[in-house]
Each structure stands twice: as C-alpha cells, then as structure tokens.
Amino acid sequence: MPGGKLLVNRPALRTKDLLLSQSVISIEGLNKTYDSGFVALDHVDLEVPPGEIFALLGPNGAGKTTLINIVCGIVNPTSGTVKAGGFDVIRQFRAARERIGLVPQELTVEPFAKVWSTVKFSRGLFGKAKNDQHIERVLKDLSLWDKRDSLTKELSGGMKRRVMIAKALAHEPEILFLDEPTAGVDVELRRSMWNVVRRLREHGVTIVLTTHYLEEAEMMADRIGVIQEGRIALVERKTALMEKLGVKRLTLKLAGPMGQIPESLAPHELALTDDRLGLIYTYNAATGDSGIKQLFRDLTAADVAFTDVDTKQSSLEEIFVDLIGSQKEDA
C-alpha cells in the first residue's frame, strides 16, 4: 500500500484479551486466606478500565477493604495476580504503588503537622518533584486552602477526611481508592468532595470507591460491583443493573379515600397507601409487559377515580438489599 503503513494480518483479540489490554486495574484468580483460616477473598476476577468510577458494594466483612489493601500493596494475597497501571503489585510494587492514591477508612493524620506540610510530604514520599501549584490546587479543590497553616489536630473529623484525600492526590495518581470516603462527613462537604471526584474522572483518573451511602454510588458510579463473602456476586453497569433488578412503582392518587381494594383488581396485586388515598402498582419494566394498560381498563370498569399518577424506579439501595437477601436464601 504505497505511502501507507504495511498492514499485517494478526489474530483477532479475544474479548477477555481486549479487556485486559484496556484495564488500569486487572485482578485474576485472587485469593486471600488468613492464618486463622478465614477466607477473605475467594477467586476474585475484576477488570476496571481507565477513567471509570467503579463502586464496590457489600456488607461489612464481605472483603471490600481486603481487596483494596491487596491492590495497594498493604496486604499480600494468598494466590492470584493483581496489576495496577500495567504493573504487578507484588513483583513491581514501587511502580504500581506510584500510580495509586489511597484514602482508607481510618482517620490517620499526623496531629502536630500543618495541613500544607503534611500534604507536601506525601508527594515527596513518592519521589515526585516539588510542585507547590499542584498542592495549592488540591487544597483549594477540597476547600482546605484557608486551613493550610492549621495543625491537623485542630481540624474537625470532616476536615481531616479532606486532608487524607489531599494526601492521596498529592502525587497525581492515575488510580484513586476511596474506602468509605464520606463516613462522618456532613452533606455539604460530601457534595463538594464528589465534585472533586467528577473532575478527577474528567482528567482520566480511575476511581474505585466503597460506600455505605448507596445513593452516592447510584449518583456517581459508572459500574457497580457487589461482593459477598469474599466473592464477586456481580459486576454491571449501573443503568443495566437497575434495569435488570429494579422494579418500578406506579402510584395512583385517588379522588377520595378507599376502604378496600375491589376484588376485581386482585390480579394486579395492588396495595393501598397508609392514608388510603393512593393505590400502588409494582411491576418489572425489564419484562416488556408492564400490565399498565390492562390495569387502567380494570380501574375504569371498577369505577375507581384517580387524579394523578406518579412513577418511581427502585433505588440502588433497594436493589442491593434484595440481591443480598436472595443470595442468603439460595445459600
């Protein structure tokens, strides 16, 4: 092909190979068994592409923190391989760790250090060249600039949490782990922190977070992973997960209070609201047959008058509780 590059026939990449080549975090066959015999992780496979916000959900003791600590090189795995930014976290620890920022659950800051110096020191730990402009930008983004000369012991719990995030961002990581980052943080601060997370994602930083505030995962995450008893139960795009497992709730506001639901409407499994001024109809939108048309016909036939209709989809929290509950029943 004159003037162009020679095209070489190459074997097509399998789906798994393609995913691995695009992943900034790659986990295969990861197991962790402690000396006590407790199995914290059981054959975990996970791929996270660059620039994604990935939420890892699960009950206490499910293995979330153990998984994060292994990727960050704090805990050694029993078996399996983990790569961060293309580097093996065991054999190439330093190169892998340089690409990771970690905000742990525990508030661990030097009480007698000033905010500016503790964040600047964290950058130096990773061998990064001095960059006061970056430190200033991080502190301003986290609303810490006015506190830069304060001792960390003088800060509130929420402010200390911000300092920990600033420390994790000091060396400009491409992967940021947030383990329960907004625990004990007020609503206003939580919102400002998530604005920072969005900006980081816009600049290509991959975010992995665990949280008990499921509305945050619903609002922020691109994909959701659920871990249960050390195993990854599922990994789905947030929208697909809500479509698959979520239900919709149709509430009809009645023209007047209803004593009891007419027997002719029994097939629709309706429920009355507590004030008896509404009828609730629940259906799975993913099935393609909502049954709403037939419901309206039957309501008309039963002479049920309503003045308004409201539709609401299940929240991620409701889906998560249902999923964990169904897995316990299957066990």
Protein backbone atom coordinates (compact mmCIF):
# COMPACT_ATOMS: atom_id res chain seq x y z
CA MET A 1 0.00 0.00 0.00
CA PRO A 2 2.09 2.95 -1.29
CA GLY A 3 2.59 5.84 1.07
CA GLY A 4 0.94 4.00 3.92
CA LYS A 5 1.70 1.50 6.63
CA LEU A 6 2.04 -2.17 5.85
CA LEU A 7 -1.00 -3.99 7.15
CA VAL A 8 -0.13 -7.25 8.89
CA ASN A 9 -2.68 -9.93 9.50
CA ARG A 10 -2.84 -10.62 13.22
CA PRO A 11 -5.05 -12.97 15.23
CA ALA A 12 -8.18 -11.23 16.44
CA LEU A 13 -8.13 -10.35 20.11
CA ARG A 14 -10.49 -12.37 22.22
CA THR A 15 -12.93 -10.36 24.32
CA LYS A 16 -11.02 -11.16 27.52
CA ASP A 17 -7.67 -10.21 25.94
CA LEU A 18 -9.12 -6.92 24.74
CA LEU A 19 -10.50 -6.16 28.18
CA LEU A 20 -7.17 -6.94 29.83
CA SER A 21 -5.31 -4.69 27.40
CA GLN A 22 -7.61 -1.79 28.30
CA SER A 23 -7.74 -2.27 32.07
CA VAL A 24 -5.95 0.00 34.51
CA ILE A 25 -6.76 -2.48 37.29
CA SER A 26 -6.59 -6.18 36.43
CA ILE A 27 -7.32 -8.87 39.03
CA GLU A 28 -7.26 -12.58 38.20
CA GLY A 29 -7.85 -15.56 40.48
CA LEU A 30 -7.25 -13.53 43.64
CA ASN A 31 -7.48 -15.43 46.91
CA LYS A 32 -6.74 -14.39 50.48
CA THR A 33 -6.87 -16.77 53.42
CA TYR A 34 -5.62 -15.53 56.79
CA ASP A 35 -3.60 -17.66 59.23
CA SER A 36 -6.76 -18.19 61.27
CA GLY A 37 -8.27 -19.99 58.28
CA PHE A 38 -10.70 -17.18 57.47
CA VAL A 39 -11.23 -16.88 53.71
CA ALA A 40 -11.47 -13.14 52.99
CA LEU A 41 -11.35 -13.39 49.18
CA ASP A 42 -12.30 -16.39 47.08
CA HIS A 43 -11.14 -16.41 43.44
CA VAL A 44 -11.86 -12.78 42.61
CA ASP A 45 -11.66 -11.67 38.97
CA LEU A 46 -12.14 -7.99 38.17
CA GLU A 47 -11.22 -5.58 35.38
CA VAL A 48 -11.54 -1.80 35.71
CA PRO A 49 -10.90 0.38 32.64
CA PRO A 50 -9.26 3.83 32.75
CA GLY A 51 -11.38 6.80 33.70
CA GLU A 52 -14.19 4.81 35.30
CA ILE A 53 -15.88 5.35 38.65
CA PHE A 54 -16.36 1.85 40.00
CA ALA A 55 -18.39 1.32 43.17
CA LEU A 56 -17.72 -1.80 45.20
CA LEU A 57 -20.67 -2.62 47.44
CA GLY A 58 -21.10 -5.29 50.06
CA PRO A 59 -21.98 -5.84 53.72
CA ASN A 60 -19.41 -5.50 56.49
CA GLY A 61 -16.86 -8.32 56.32
CA ALA A 62 -17.57 -9.08 52.67
CA GLY A 63 -13.95 -8.46 51.61
CA LYS A 64 -14.06 -4.90 50.26
CA THR A 65 -11.22 -3.48 52.35
CA THR A 66 -9.09 -6.62 51.96
CA LEU A 67 -9.39 -6.33 48.18
CA ILE A 68 -8.37 -2.66 48.23
CA ASN A 69 -5.45 -3.33 50.59
CA ILE A 70 -4.10 -6.06 48.32
CA VAL A 71 -4.21 -3.82 45.24
CA CYS A 72 -2.45 -1.09 47.26
CA GLY A 73 0.26 -3.48 48.46
CA ILE A 74 -0.72 -3.33 52.14
CA VAL A 75 -1.83 -6.97 52.35
CA ASN A 76 -0.22 -9.87 50.49
CA PRO A 77 -2.53 -12.22 48.57
CA THR A 78 -2.50 -15.97 49.10
CA SER A 79 -2.62 -16.52 45.34
CA GLY A 80 -3.64 -14.80 42.13
CA THR A 81 -2.33 -11.81 40.20
CA VAL A 82 -3.08 -8.12 40.53
CA LYS A 83 -1.90 -5.37 38.20
CA ALA A 84 -2.29 -1.61 38.64
CA GLY A 85 -1.45 0.61 35.70
CA GLY A 86 0.01 -2.46 33.99
CA PHE A 87 2.41 -3.26 36.86
CA ASP A 88 2.26 -6.32 39.08
CA VAL A 89 1.59 -5.16 42.64
CA ILE A 90 4.00 -7.79 44.06
CA ARG A 91 6.88 -8.02 41.58
CA GLN A 92 6.72 -4.35 40.54
CA PHE A 93 5.47 -2.89 43.80
CA ARG A 94 7.05 0.55 43.59
CA ALA A 95 5.90 1.26 40.02
CA ALA A 96 2.38 0.01 40.81
CA ARG A 97 2.10 1.94 44.08
CA GLU A 98 3.19 5.21 42.45
CA ARG A 99 0.06 5.05 40.32
CA ILE A 100 -2.29 4.62 43.26
CA GLY A 101 -3.77 7.06 45.74
CA LEU A 102 -5.50 5.57 48.79
CA VAL A 103 -7.95 7.13 51.20
CA PRO A 104 -8.53 4.50 53.93
CA GLN A 105 -11.49 4.34 56.29
CA GLU A 106 -9.44 5.25 59.36
CA LEU A 107 -8.56 8.87 60.04
CA THR A 108 -4.75 8.70 60.14
CA VAL A 109 -3.09 12.12 60.04
CA GLU A 110 -0.10 13.49 61.94
CA PRO A 111 -1.75 15.64 64.66
CA PHE A 112 1.07 18.17 65.06
CA ALA A 113 1.75 18.74 61.34
CA LYS A 114 0.29 21.62 59.40
CA VAL A 115 -2.05 20.83 56.54
CA TRP A 116 0.26 22.23 53.88
CA SER A 117 3.34 20.38 55.10
CA THR A 118 1.59 17.01 55.57
CA VAL A 119 0.18 17.07 52.03
CA LYS A 120 3.50 18.25 50.58
CA PHE A 121 5.34 15.50 52.49
CA SER A 122 3.05 12.85 50.96
CA ARG A 123 4.09 14.00 47.50
CA GLY A 124 7.75 13.67 48.45
CA LEU A 125 7.23 10.10 49.69
CA PHE A 126 6.60 9.06 46.10
CA GLY A 127 9.70 10.82 44.80
CA LYS A 128 7.73 13.46 42.93
CA ALA A 129 9.40 16.76 42.09
CA LYS A 130 8.30 19.81 44.06
CA ASN A 131 5.08 21.29 42.67
CA ASP A 132 3.51 23.82 45.02
CA GLN A 133 0.98 24.82 42.36
CA HIS A 134 -0.44 21.28 42.35
CA ILE A 135 -0.62 21.18 46.17
CA GLU A 136 -2.37 24.56 46.18
CA ARG A 137 -4.87 23.40 43.56
CA VAL A 138 -5.67 20.23 45.52
CA LEU A 139 -6.18 22.17 48.76
CA LYS A 140 -8.43 24.69 47.05
CA ASP A 141 -10.46 21.98 45.34
CA LEU A 142 -11.07 20.37 48.74
CA SER A 143 -11.85 23.71 50.46
CA LEU A 144 -8.71 23.35 52.60
CA TRP A 145 -6.81 26.40 51.42
CA ASP A 146 -7.90 28.53 54.39
CA LYS A 147 -6.70 25.75 56.70
CA ARG A 148 -3.28 25.28 55.10
CA ASP A 149 -1.42 26.65 58.14
CA SER A 150 -3.60 24.87 60.72
CA LEU A 151 -2.41 21.85 62.70
CA THR A 152 -4.38 18.77 61.72
CA LYS A 153 -5.28 18.13 65.39
CA GLU A 154 -7.28 21.38 65.31
CA LEU A 155 -9.49 20.19 62.45
CA SER A 156 -12.91 18.60 62.60
CA GLY A 157 -13.37 14.98 61.51
CA GLY A 158 -14.71 16.10 58.14
CA MET A 159 -11.73 18.38 57.58
CA LYS A 160 -9.33 15.57 58.50
CA ARG A 161 -11.06 13.41 55.90
CA ARG A 162 -10.39 16.11 53.32
CA VAL A 163 -6.71 16.20 54.33
CA MET A 164 -6.48 12.46 53.74
CA ILE A 165 -7.93 12.87 50.26
CA ALA A 166 -5.49 15.70 49.58
CA LYS A 167 -2.60 13.46 50.70
CA ALA A 168 -3.80 10.72 48.35
CA LEU A 169 -3.89 13.18 45.44
CA ALA A 170 -0.58 14.86 46.21
CA HIS A 171 1.48 12.62 43.90
CA GLU A 172 -1.03 12.82 41.00
CA PRO A 173 -2.11 9.15 40.91
CA GLU A 174 -3.97 7.66 37.97
CA ILE A 175 -5.97 5.37 40.28
CA LEU A 176 -7.72 6.59 43.43
CA PHE A 177 -9.19 4.24 46.04
CA LEU A 178 -11.80 5.76 48.33
CA ASP A 179 -12.72 3.41 51.16
CA GLU A 180 -15.85 4.87 52.79
CA PRO A 181 -14.61 8.41 51.96
CA THR A 182 -17.61 10.34 53.27
CA ALA A 183 -18.17 8.49 56.54
CA GLY A 184 -18.90 11.10 59.22
CA VAL A 185 -18.88 13.95 56.70
CA ASP A 186 -21.71 16.48 56.54
CA VAL A 187 -23.92 16.75 53.45
CA GLU A 188 -22.36 19.96 52.14
CA LEU A 189 -18.83 18.60 52.36
CA ARG A 190 -19.93 15.33 50.79
CA ARG A 191 -21.22 17.17 47.75
CA SER A 192 -18.03 19.20 47.36
CA MET A 193 -15.96 16.03 47.61
CA TRP A 194 -17.98 14.33 44.89
CA ASN A 195 -17.48 17.39 42.67
CA VAL A 196 -13.74 16.80 43.10
CA VAL A 197 -14.22 13.13 42.16
CA ARG A 198 -16.08 14.10 38.99
CA ARG A 199 -13.29 16.48 37.98
CA LEU A 200 -10.70 13.78 38.59
CA ARG A 201 -12.61 11.38 36.36
CA GLU A 202 -12.78 14.06 33.67
CA HIS A 203 -8.96 14.14 33.76
CA GLY A 204 -8.73 10.38 33.31
CA VAL A 205 -8.29 9.26 36.93
CA THR A 206 -9.88 5.91 37.68
CA ILE A 207 -11.91 5.93 40.91
CA VAL A 208 -12.72 2.84 42.97
CA LEU A 209 -14.95 3.54 45.94
CA THR A 210 -16.72 1.68 48.69
CA THR A 211 -19.56 3.39 50.48
CA HIS A 212 -22.48 2.74 52.78
CA TYR A 213 -24.26 5.75 51.27
CA LEU A 214 -25.76 3.85 48.37
CA GLU A 215 -27.32 6.99 46.92
CA GLU A 216 -23.75 8.16 46.26
CA ALA A 217 -22.95 5.03 44.28
CA GLU A 218 -26.21 5.46 42.38
CA MET A 219 -25.37 9.08 41.62
CA MET A 220 -21.65 8.71 40.84
CA ALA A 221 -20.72 5.23 39.61
CA ASP A 222 -20.41 4.01 36.04
CA ARG A 223 -20.38 0.37 37.13
CA ILE A 224 -21.38 -1.42 40.31
CA GLY A 225 -19.67 -4.48 41.75
CA VAL A 226 -21.25 -6.47 44.57
CA ILE A 227 -19.01 -8.58 46.80
CA GLN A 228 -20.48 -11.13 49.19
CA GLU A 229 -18.49 -13.47 51.46
CA GLY A 230 -15.28 -12.81 49.53
CA ARG A 231 -16.76 -13.46 46.12
CA ILE A 232 -17.79 -11.06 43.38
CA ALA A 233 -21.52 -11.68 43.05
CA LEU A 234 -21.95 -9.46 40.01
CA VAL A 235 -20.46 -6.58 38.07
CA GLU A 236 -22.83 -4.50 35.96
CA ARG A 237 -23.15 -1.06 34.52
CA LYS A 238 -25.28 0.90 36.94
CA THR A 239 -28.04 1.55 34.42
CA ALA A 240 -28.13 -2.10 33.33
CA LEU A 241 -28.23 -3.28 36.94
CA MET A 242 -31.18 -1.08 37.75
CA GLU A 243 -32.98 -2.19 34.61
CA LYS A 244 -32.39 -5.87 35.33
CA LEU A 245 -33.03 -5.99 39.05
CA GLY A 246 -35.03 -2.86 39.69
CA VAL A 247 -38.77 -2.56 39.70
CA LYS A 248 -40.97 0.42 39.02
CA ARG A 249 -43.70 1.58 41.32
CA LEU A 250 -46.79 3.25 39.91
CA THR A 251 -48.79 5.25 42.45
CA LEU A 252 -52.28 6.43 41.58
CA LYS A 253 -53.61 9.30 43.67
CA LEU A 254 -57.28 8.57 44.34
CA ALA A 255 -60.08 11.14 44.19
CA GLY A 256 -61.09 10.04 47.69
CA PRO A 257 -60.15 7.52 50.40
CA MET A 258 -60.70 3.83 49.57
CA GLY A 259 -61.89 1.41 52.23
CA GLN A 260 -60.68 -1.70 50.48
CA ILE A 261 -59.40 -2.67 47.03
CA PRO A 262 -62.19 -4.03 44.76
CA GLU A 263 -61.99 -7.79 44.30
CA SER A 264 -61.93 -7.34 40.51
CA LEU A 265 -58.49 -5.69 40.85
CA ALA A 266 -56.97 -8.58 42.83
CA PRO A 267 -54.97 -9.97 39.83
CA HIS A 268 -52.91 -6.74 39.79
CA GLU A 269 -51.72 -7.23 43.40
CA LEU A 270 -52.30 -3.58 44.29
CA ALA A 271 -51.58 -2.06 47.70
CA LEU A 272 -53.18 0.89 49.43
CA THR A 273 -51.08 3.71 50.79
CA ASP A 274 -51.21 4.29 54.55
CA ASP A 275 -53.61 7.20 54.15
CA ARG A 276 -55.80 5.12 51.79
CA LEU A 277 -55.62 7.92 49.23
CA GLY A 278 -53.37 6.04 46.82
CA LEU A 279 -53.04 2.73 45.02
CA ILE A 280 -49.56 1.26 44.46
CA TYR A 281 -48.85 -0.97 41.49
CA THR A 282 -45.41 -2.61 41.25
CA TYR A 283 -44.01 -4.08 38.04
CA ASN A 284 -40.74 -5.06 36.40
CA ALA A 285 -40.06 -2.74 33.47
CA ALA A 286 -37.45 -5.13 32.04
CA THR A 287 -40.04 -7.76 31.14
CA GLY A 288 -41.56 -5.58 28.41
CA ASP A 289 -45.13 -6.22 29.61
CA SER A 290 -45.96 -3.81 32.41
CA GLY A 291 -49.66 -4.65 32.51
CA ILE A 292 -50.48 -0.97 32.92
CA LYS A 293 -52.95 -0.82 30.02
CA GLN A 294 -54.99 -3.67 31.47
CA LEU A 295 -54.78 -2.09 34.92
CA PHE A 296 -56.28 1.16 33.64
CA ARG A 297 -59.06 -0.75 31.87
CA ASP A 298 -59.88 -2.64 35.06
CA LEU A 299 -59.80 0.56 37.12
CA THR A 300 -62.31 2.14 34.76
CA ALA A 301 -64.52 -0.96 34.90
CA ALA A 302 -64.38 -0.87 38.71
CA ASP A 303 -65.30 2.84 38.67
CA VAL A 304 -62.13 3.84 40.54
CA ALA A 305 -61.40 7.54 40.03
CA PHE A 306 -57.85 8.89 40.34
CA THR A 307 -56.47 12.40 39.91
CA ASP A 308 -52.74 11.86 39.37
CA VAL A 309 -50.15 9.20 38.52
CA ASP A 310 -46.55 9.00 39.75
CA THR A 311 -43.88 6.51 38.64
CA LYS A 312 -40.74 5.75 40.62
CA GLN A 313 -37.95 3.24 39.95
CA SER A 314 -36.35 1.21 42.72
CA SER A 315 -33.29 2.84 44.21
CA LEU A 316 -29.90 1.12 44.16
CA GLU A 317 -30.23 0.57 47.89
CA GLU A 318 -33.47 -1.37 47.45
CA ILE A 319 -31.89 -3.45 44.68
CA PHE A 320 -28.79 -4.16 46.80
CA VAL A 321 -30.82 -5.26 49.83
CA ASP A 322 -32.97 -7.52 47.66
CA LEU A 323 -29.91 -9.03 45.95
CA ILE A 324 -28.07 -9.80 49.21
CA GLY A 325 -31.25 -11.20 50.70
CA SER A 326 -31.91 -13.52 47.75
CA GLN A 327 -28.31 -14.81 47.83
CA LYS A 328 -28.64 -15.70 51.52
CA GLU A 329 -31.83 -17.62 50.76
CA ASP A 330 -30.06 -19.55 47.96
CA ALA A 331 -27.09 -20.42 50.20
